[in-house]
Amino acid sequence: MSRWGMVIDLRRCIGCNACTVACKAEHGTPPGVLFTRVLVKEVGTYPAVRRLYIPVLCNHCQNAPCEEVCPTEATHRQDGGVVLVDRNKCMGCRACYEACPYQNRFYLDSDLLSEGYFCGELTPFETVKYQGFEKGTVVKCNFCVHRLEKGLPPACVVTCLTEARIFGDLDDPNSQVSRLIREQETVQLLPECNTNPSVFYILPSGFFSLKS
């Protein structure tokens, strides 16, 4: 049994947002709904200034607080450790939305699925993609589970220009993600929350000094 996870190499990320665009194209999410996005922070003092890029997405936590608080079990864990939301069970209470310490869930209000990107009627593409959503429910990154079932990696991984995103089986010691976690200095976001995320980050040299 595989346990899917991702390593994001911040030494390679150039902040191009190709992952964000690929995710939007793959899932056809409405305006403002970004399953993956890139946080940007400028650090340093002139003239030694640089930008830090940190891609974020659902962390598919092994100890997922969103799963614990869901009253209808709409949020559940699939084989492989992927955390999913069953739109047929979601009642839109947003308990999971509030419980997620990473702010990586989105609520589809009643108007959102009538809005497109071109200030008019929905395009044929949007019309088709919006059929996969239900108003009044919560949505998030699903690790492109429909692609995993076909033996394909997530769209953001395929599109990453610098190969900063690596995806694979965390339970396989010989997988690339397992080797990177073992051999490189990696971190998980907000370790104090004890969520045990399935997304790991490789930090640039001097990362913590750069943040100050």
C-alpha atoms as a PDB file:
ATOM      1  CA  MET A   1       0.000   0.000   0.000  1.00  0.00           C
ATOM      2  CA  SER A   2       1.400   3.365  -1.026  1.00  0.00           C
ATOM      3  CA  ARG A   3       1.298   6.509   1.086  1.00  0.00           C
ATOM      4  CA  TRP A   4       1.522   9.446  -1.257  1.00  0.00           C
ATOM      5  CA  GLY A   5       3.578  12.505  -0.430  1.00  0.00           C
ATOM      6  CA  MET A   6       5.407  15.430  -1.969  1.00  0.00           C
ATOM      7  CA  VAL A   7       8.759  17.112  -1.507  1.00  0.00           C
ATOM      8  CA  ILE A   8       9.078  20.744  -2.599  1.00  0.00           C
ATOM      9  CA  ASP A   9      12.659  21.920  -3.113  1.00  0.00           C
ATOM     10  CA  LEU A  10      12.696  25.621  -2.250  1.00  0.00           C
ATOM     11  CA  ARG A  11      16.217  25.851  -3.677  1.00  0.00           C
ATOM     12  CA  ARG A  12      14.714  25.254  -7.107  1.00  0.00           C
ATOM     13  CA  CYS A  13      11.435  27.175  -6.910  1.00  0.00           C
ATOM     14  CA  ILE A  14      11.572  30.369  -8.984  1.00  0.00           C
ATOM     15  CA  GLY A  15       8.051  31.588  -8.202  1.00  0.00           C
ATOM     16  CA  CYS A  16       6.835  31.227 -11.783  1.00  0.00           C
ATOM     17  CA  ASN A  17       3.369  30.027 -10.669  1.00  0.00           C
ATOM     18  CA  ALA A  18       3.262  27.363 -13.384  1.00  0.00           C
ATOM     19  CA  CYS A  19       1.974  24.993 -10.689  1.00  0.00           C
ATOM     20  CA  THR A  20      -0.883  27.364  -9.872  1.00  0.00           C
ATOM     21  CA  VAL A  21      -1.892  27.698 -13.521  1.00  0.00           C
ATOM     22  CA  ALA A  22      -1.615  23.947 -14.137  1.00  0.00           C
ATOM     23  CA  CYS A  23      -3.836  23.250 -11.138  1.00  0.00           C
ATOM     24  CA  LYS A  24      -6.432  25.779 -12.315  1.00  0.00           C
ATOM     25  CA  ALA A  25      -6.470  24.182 -15.762  1.00  0.00           C
ATOM     26  CA  GLU A  26      -6.682  20.643 -14.378  1.00  0.00           C
ATOM     27  CA  HIS A  27      -9.518  21.284 -11.940  1.00  0.00           C
ATOM     28  CA  GLY A  28     -11.225  24.302 -13.500  1.00  0.00           C
ATOM     29  CA  THR A  29     -11.731  25.990 -10.136  1.00  0.00           C
ATOM     30  CA  PRO A  30     -13.740  29.248  -9.920  1.00  0.00           C
ATOM     31  CA  PRO A  31     -12.074  32.651  -9.448  1.00  0.00           C
ATOM     32  CA  GLY A  32     -10.336  32.962  -6.104  1.00  0.00           C
ATOM     33  CA  VAL A  33     -10.163  29.203  -5.511  1.00  0.00           C
ATOM     34  CA  LEU A  34      -6.507  28.171  -5.655  1.00  0.00           C
ATOM     35  CA  PHE A  35      -5.722  24.615  -4.645  1.00  0.00           C
ATOM     36  CA  THR A  36      -2.027  25.451  -4.928  1.00  0.00           C
ATOM     37  CA  ARG A  37      -0.506  28.905  -4.667  1.00  0.00           C
ATOM     38  CA  VAL A  38       2.921  30.452  -4.131  1.00  0.00           C
ATOM     39  CA  LEU A  39       3.600  32.674  -1.146  1.00  0.00           C
ATOM     40  CA  VAL A  40       6.195  35.389  -1.704  1.00  0.00           C
ATOM     41  CA  LYS A  41       8.257  37.282   0.859  1.00  0.00           C
ATOM     42  CA  GLU A  42      11.001  39.818   0.303  1.00  0.00           C
ATOM     43  CA  VAL A  43      13.831  39.507   2.808  1.00  0.00           C
ATOM     44  CA  GLY A  44      17.112  41.227   3.479  1.00  0.00           C
ATOM     45  CA  THR A  45      18.240  44.837   3.466  1.00  0.00           C
ATOM     46  CA  TYR A  46      19.051  46.874   0.370  1.00  0.00           C
ATOM     47  CA  PRO A  47      21.091  46.183  -1.675  1.00  0.00           C
ATOM     48  CA  ALA A  48      21.183  42.542  -0.496  1.00  0.00           C
ATOM     49  CA  VAL A  49      17.499  41.820  -1.036  1.00  0.00           C
ATOM     50  CA  ARG A  50      15.947  38.639  -2.366  1.00  0.00           C
ATOM     51  CA  ARG A  51      12.594  36.918  -2.601  1.00  0.00           C
ATOM     52  CA  LEU A  52      11.580  33.672  -0.968  1.00  0.00           C
ATOM     53  CA  TYR A  53       8.986  31.532  -2.747  1.00  0.00           C
ATOM     54  CA  ILE A  54       6.988  28.970  -0.788  1.00  0.00           C
ATOM     55  CA  PRO A  55       4.412  26.923  -2.714  1.00  0.00           C
ATOM     56  CA  VAL A  56       1.564  25.745  -0.492  1.00  0.00           C
ATOM     57  CA  LEU A  57      -1.279  23.254  -0.950  1.00  0.00           C
ATOM     58  CA  CYS A  58      -3.307  20.825   1.137  1.00  0.00           C
ATOM     59  CA  ASN A  59      -0.766  18.914   3.196  1.00  0.00           C
ATOM     60  CA  HIS A  60      -2.820  15.693   3.340  1.00  0.00           C
ATOM     61  CA  CYS A  61      -1.940  15.392   7.004  1.00  0.00           C
ATOM     62  CA  GLN A  62      -1.771  12.000   8.649  1.00  0.00           C
ATOM     63  CA  ASN A  63      -3.296  13.548  11.773  1.00  0.00           C
ATOM     64  CA  ALA A  64      -5.719  15.784   9.906  1.00  0.00           C
ATOM     65  CA  PRO A  65      -7.745  18.105  12.171  1.00  0.00           C
ATOM     66  CA  CYS A  66     -10.174  18.721   9.296  1.00  0.00           C
ATOM     67  CA  GLU A  67     -11.054  15.033   9.277  1.00  0.00           C
ATOM     68  CA  GLU A  68     -11.539  14.927  13.041  1.00  0.00           C
ATOM     69  CA  VAL A  69     -14.030  17.799  13.170  1.00  0.00           C
ATOM     70  CA  CYS A  70     -16.158  16.874  10.143  1.00  0.00           C
ATOM     71  CA  PRO A  71     -19.611  15.923  11.519  1.00  0.00           C
ATOM     72  CA  THR A  72     -20.726  14.011   8.405  1.00  0.00           C
ATOM     73  CA  GLU A  73     -17.444  12.231   7.571  1.00  0.00           C
ATOM     74  CA  ALA A  74     -17.402  14.089   4.268  1.00  0.00           C
ATOM     75  CA  THR A  75     -13.715  14.709   4.872  1.00  0.00           C
ATOM     76  CA  HIS A  76     -12.098  11.310   4.848  1.00  0.00           C
ATOM     77  CA  ARG A  77      -8.823   9.573   4.125  1.00  0.00           C
ATOM     78  CA  GLN A  78      -8.518   7.401   1.048  1.00  0.00           C
ATOM     79  CA  ASP A  79      -6.117   4.488   0.644  1.00  0.00           C
ATOM     80  CA  GLY A  80      -2.731   6.086   0.071  1.00  0.00           C
ATOM     81  CA  GLY A  81      -3.305   8.738   2.717  1.00  0.00           C
ATOM     82  CA  VAL A  82      -4.987  11.255   0.403  1.00  0.00           C
ATOM     83  CA  VAL A  83      -7.511  13.409   2.276  1.00  0.00           C
ATOM     84  CA  LEU A  84     -10.656  13.964   0.210  1.00  0.00           C
ATOM     85  CA  VAL A  85     -14.004  15.735   0.562  1.00  0.00           C
ATOM     86  CA  ASP A  86     -17.178  13.918  -0.488  1.00  0.00           C
ATOM     87  CA  ARG A  87     -19.375  16.670  -1.912  1.00  0.00           C
ATOM     88  CA  ASN A  88     -22.460  14.486  -1.432  1.00  0.00           C
ATOM     89  CA  LYS A  89     -21.865  14.355   2.325  1.00  0.00           C
ATOM     90  CA  CYS A  90     -20.536  17.886   2.876  1.00  0.00           C
ATOM     91  CA  MET A  91     -23.148  20.075   4.574  1.00  0.00           C
ATOM     92  CA  GLY A  92     -21.123  23.267   4.267  1.00  0.00           C
ATOM     93  CA  CYS A  93     -20.709  23.829   7.998  1.00  0.00           C
ATOM     94  CA  ARG A  94     -17.087  24.876   7.401  1.00  0.00           C
ATOM     95  CA  ALA A  95     -15.800  23.193  10.568  1.00  0.00           C
ATOM     96  CA  CYS A  96     -12.955  21.754   8.481  1.00  0.00           C
ATOM     97  CA  TYR A  97     -12.302  25.187   6.982  1.00  0.00           C
ATOM     98  CA  GLU A  98     -11.765  26.596  10.462  1.00  0.00           C
ATOM     99  CA  ALA A  99      -9.805  23.575  11.710  1.00  0.00           C
ATOM    100  CA  CYS A 100      -7.177  23.607   8.950  1.00  0.00           C
ATOM    101  CA  PRO A 101      -4.098  25.392  10.349  1.00  0.00           C
ATOM    102  CA  TYR A 102      -2.757  25.884   6.815  1.00  0.00           C
ATOM    103  CA  GLN A 103      -5.791  27.751   5.417  1.00  0.00           C
ATOM    104  CA  ASN A 104      -5.890  25.506   2.369  1.00  0.00           C
ATOM    105  CA  ARG A 105      -9.653  24.947   2.078  1.00  0.00           C
ATOM    106  CA  PHE A 106     -12.199  26.969   0.133  1.00  0.00           C
ATOM    107  CA  TYR A 107     -15.939  27.394   0.558  1.00  0.00           C
ATOM    108  CA  LEU A 108     -18.094  27.559  -2.571  1.00  0.00           C
ATOM    109  CA  ASP A 109     -20.758  30.131  -1.778  1.00  0.00           C
ATOM    110  CA  SER A 110     -23.975  30.341  -3.762  1.00  0.00           C
ATOM    111  CA  ASP A 111     -22.666  32.905  -6.268  1.00  0.00           C
ATOM    112  CA  LEU A 112     -19.195  31.544  -6.922  1.00  0.00           C
ATOM    113  CA  LEU A 113     -20.207  28.866  -9.421  1.00  0.00           C
ATOM    114  CA  SER A 114     -22.046  31.404 -11.550  1.00  0.00           C
ATOM    115  CA  GLU A 115     -18.922  33.531 -11.962  1.00  0.00           C
ATOM    116  CA  GLY A 116     -16.367  33.006 -14.692  1.00  0.00           C
ATOM    117  CA  TYR A 117     -13.092  34.662 -15.535  1.00  0.00           C
ATOM    118  CA  PHE A 118     -14.457  36.764 -18.369  1.00  0.00           C
ATOM    119  CA  CYS A 119     -17.190  38.873 -16.740  1.00  0.00           C
ATOM    120  CA  GLY A 120     -20.049  37.254 -18.613  1.00  0.00           C
ATOM    121  CA  GLU A 121     -21.473  33.851 -19.339  1.00  0.00           C
ATOM    122  CA  LEU A 122     -19.401  30.848 -18.399  1.00  0.00           C
ATOM    123  CA  THR A 123     -17.125  29.554 -21.130  1.00  0.00           C
ATOM    124  CA  PRO A 124     -17.703  25.985 -22.379  1.00  0.00           C
ATOM    125  CA  PHE A 125     -14.629  24.923 -20.387  1.00  0.00           C
ATOM    126  CA  GLU A 126     -15.966  26.486 -17.187  1.00  0.00           C
ATOM    127  CA  THR A 127     -19.420  25.022 -17.777  1.00  0.00           C
ATOM    128  CA  VAL A 128     -17.970  21.513 -17.953  1.00  0.00           C
ATOM    129  CA  LYS A 129     -15.542  21.899 -15.051  1.00  0.00           C
ATOM    130  CA  TYR A 130     -18.050  23.540 -12.701  1.00  0.00           C
ATOM    131  CA  GLN A 131     -20.179  20.395 -12.923  1.00  0.00           C
ATOM    132  CA  GLY A 132     -17.603  18.792 -10.638  1.00  0.00           C
ATOM    133  CA  PHE A 133     -18.414  21.248  -7.838  1.00  0.00           C
ATOM    134  CA  GLU A 134     -21.400  21.655  -5.534  1.00  0.00           C
ATOM    135  CA  LYS A 135     -22.364  25.060  -4.167  1.00  0.00           C
ATOM    136  CA  GLY A 136     -22.366  25.326  -0.409  1.00  0.00           C
ATOM    137  CA  THR A 137     -19.549  22.812   0.034  1.00  0.00           C
ATOM    138  CA  VAL A 138     -15.853  22.978   0.875  1.00  0.00           C
ATOM    139  CA  VAL A 139     -13.172  22.058  -1.682  1.00  0.00           C
ATOM    140  CA  LYS A 140      -9.399  21.665  -1.658  1.00  0.00           C
ATOM    141  CA  CYS A 141      -6.413  20.027  -3.352  1.00  0.00           C
ATOM    142  CA  ASN A 142      -6.902  16.279  -3.769  1.00  0.00           C
ATOM    143  CA  PHE A 143      -3.378  15.441  -5.007  1.00  0.00           C
ATOM    144  CA  CYS A 144      -5.043  14.977  -8.437  1.00  0.00           C
ATOM    145  CA  VAL A 145      -6.392  11.633  -7.265  1.00  0.00           C
ATOM    146  CA  HIS A 146      -7.994  11.060 -10.667  1.00  0.00           C
ATOM    147  CA  ARG A 147      -4.506  11.142 -12.163  1.00  0.00           C
ATOM    148  CA  LEU A 148      -3.010   8.922  -9.449  1.00  0.00           C
ATOM    149  CA  GLU A 149      -5.587   6.260 -10.291  1.00  0.00           C
ATOM    150  CA  LYS A 150      -4.166   6.236 -13.825  1.00  0.00           C
ATOM    151  CA  GLY A 151      -0.564   6.038 -12.637  1.00  0.00           C
ATOM    152  CA  LEU A 152       0.097   9.729 -13.350  1.00  0.00           C
ATOM    153  CA  PRO A 153       1.580  12.324 -10.962  1.00  0.00           C
ATOM    154  CA  PRO A 154      -0.327  15.491 -10.004  1.00  0.00           C
ATOM    155  CA  ALA A 155      -0.583  18.221 -12.640  1.00  0.00           C
ATOM    156  CA  CYS A 156       1.511  20.661 -10.588  1.00  0.00           C
ATOM    157  CA  VAL A 157       4.382  18.175 -10.459  1.00  0.00           C
ATOM    158  CA  VAL A 158       4.349  17.540 -14.213  1.00  0.00           C
ATOM    159  CA  THR A 159       4.296  21.262 -14.994  1.00  0.00           C
ATOM    160  CA  CYS A 160       7.014  22.464 -12.601  1.00  0.00           C
ATOM    161  CA  LEU A 161       9.682  23.994 -14.853  1.00  0.00           C
ATOM    162  CA  THR A 162      12.551  23.473 -12.435  1.00  0.00           C
ATOM    163  CA  GLU A 163      11.445  20.078 -11.077  1.00  0.00           C
ATOM    164  CA  ALA A 164      11.078  21.619  -7.641  1.00  0.00           C
ATOM    165  CA  ARG A 165       8.109  19.341  -6.898  1.00  0.00           C
ATOM    166  CA  ILE A 166       8.784  15.640  -6.405  1.00  0.00           C
ATOM    167  CA  PHE A 167       5.953  13.199  -5.789  1.00  0.00           C
ATOM    168  CA  GLY A 168       5.982   9.574  -4.711  1.00  0.00           C
ATOM    169  CA  ASP A 169       5.429   6.877  -2.122  1.00  0.00           C
ATOM    170  CA  LEU A 170       6.537   7.878   1.366  1.00  0.00           C
ATOM    171  CA  ASP A 171       6.392   4.252   2.514  1.00  0.00           C
ATOM    172  CA  ASP A 172       8.829   3.105  -0.168  1.00  0.00           C
ATOM    173  CA  PRO A 173      12.374   3.679   1.164  1.00  0.00           C
ATOM    174  CA  ASN A 174      13.712   3.594  -2.388  1.00  0.00           C
ATOM    175  CA  SER A 175      11.355   6.236  -3.793  1.00  0.00           C
ATOM    176  CA  GLN A 176      12.797   9.620  -4.686  1.00  0.00           C
ATOM    177  CA  VAL A 177      10.710  11.413  -2.062  1.00  0.00           C
ATOM    178  CA  SER A 178      11.873   9.037   0.678  1.00  0.00           C
ATOM    179  CA  ARG A 179      15.508   9.424  -0.335  1.00  0.00           C
ATOM    180  CA  LEU A 180      15.247  13.219  -0.356  1.00  0.00           C
ATOM    181  CA  ILE A 181      13.639  13.289   3.092  1.00  0.00           C
ATOM    182  CA  ARG A 182      16.341  10.981   4.387  1.00  0.00           C
ATOM    183  CA  GLU A 183      19.310  12.705   2.740  1.00  0.00           C
ATOM    184  CA  GLN A 184      18.323  16.387   2.771  1.00  0.00           C
ATOM    185  CA  GLU A 185      17.332  18.858   5.459  1.00  0.00           C
ATOM    186  CA  THR A 186      13.557  18.849   5.132  1.00  0.00           C
ATOM    187  CA  VAL A 187      10.803  20.431   7.215  1.00  0.00           C
ATOM    188  CA  GLN A 188       7.034  20.157   7.497  1.00  0.00           C
ATOM    189  CA  LEU A 189       4.960  23.291   7.946  1.00  0.00           C
ATOM    190  CA  LEU A 190       3.711  24.150  11.452  1.00  0.00           C
ATOM    191  CA  PRO A 191       5.181  21.109  13.228  1.00  0.00           C
ATOM    192  CA  GLU A 192       3.805  22.460  16.509  1.00  0.00           C
ATOM    193  CA  CYS A 193       0.312  21.530  15.277  1.00  0.00           C
ATOM    194  CA  ASN A 194       1.239  17.813  15.277  1.00  0.00           C
ATOM    195  CA  THR A 195      -0.611  17.202  12.008  1.00  0.00           C
ATOM    196  CA  ASN A 196       2.245  15.223  10.407  1.00  0.00           C
ATOM    197  CA  PRO A 197       1.848  16.617   6.860  1.00  0.00           C
ATOM    198  CA  SER A 198       2.621  14.544   3.768  1.00  0.00           C
ATOM    199  CA  VAL A 199       4.268  17.577   2.148  1.00  0.00           C
ATOM    200  CA  PHE A 200       7.919  18.267   2.963  1.00  0.00           C
ATOM    201  CA  TYR A 201      10.158  21.214   2.071  1.00  0.00           C
ATOM    202  CA  ILE A 202      13.876  21.335   1.330  1.00  0.00           C
ATOM    203  CA  LEU A 203      15.175  24.654   2.621  1.00  0.00           C
ATOM    204  CA  PRO A 204      17.689  26.889   0.841  1.00  0.00           C
ATOM    205  CA  SER A 205      21.050  27.353   2.522  1.00  0.00           C
ATOM    206  CA  GLY A 206      20.755  29.935   5.294  1.00  0.00           C
ATOM    207  CA  PHE A 207      16.960  29.971   5.072  1.00  0.00           C
ATOM    208  CA  PHE A 208      16.346  30.926   8.680  1.00  0.00           C
ATOM    209  CA  SER A 209      18.919  33.726   8.623  1.00  0.00           C
ATOM    210  CA  LEU A 210      17.327  35.043   5.435  1.00  0.00           C
ATOM    211  CA  LYS A 211      13.960  35.269   7.134  1.00  0.00           C
ATOM    212  CA  SER A 212      15.211  37.619   9.814  1.00  0.00           C
END
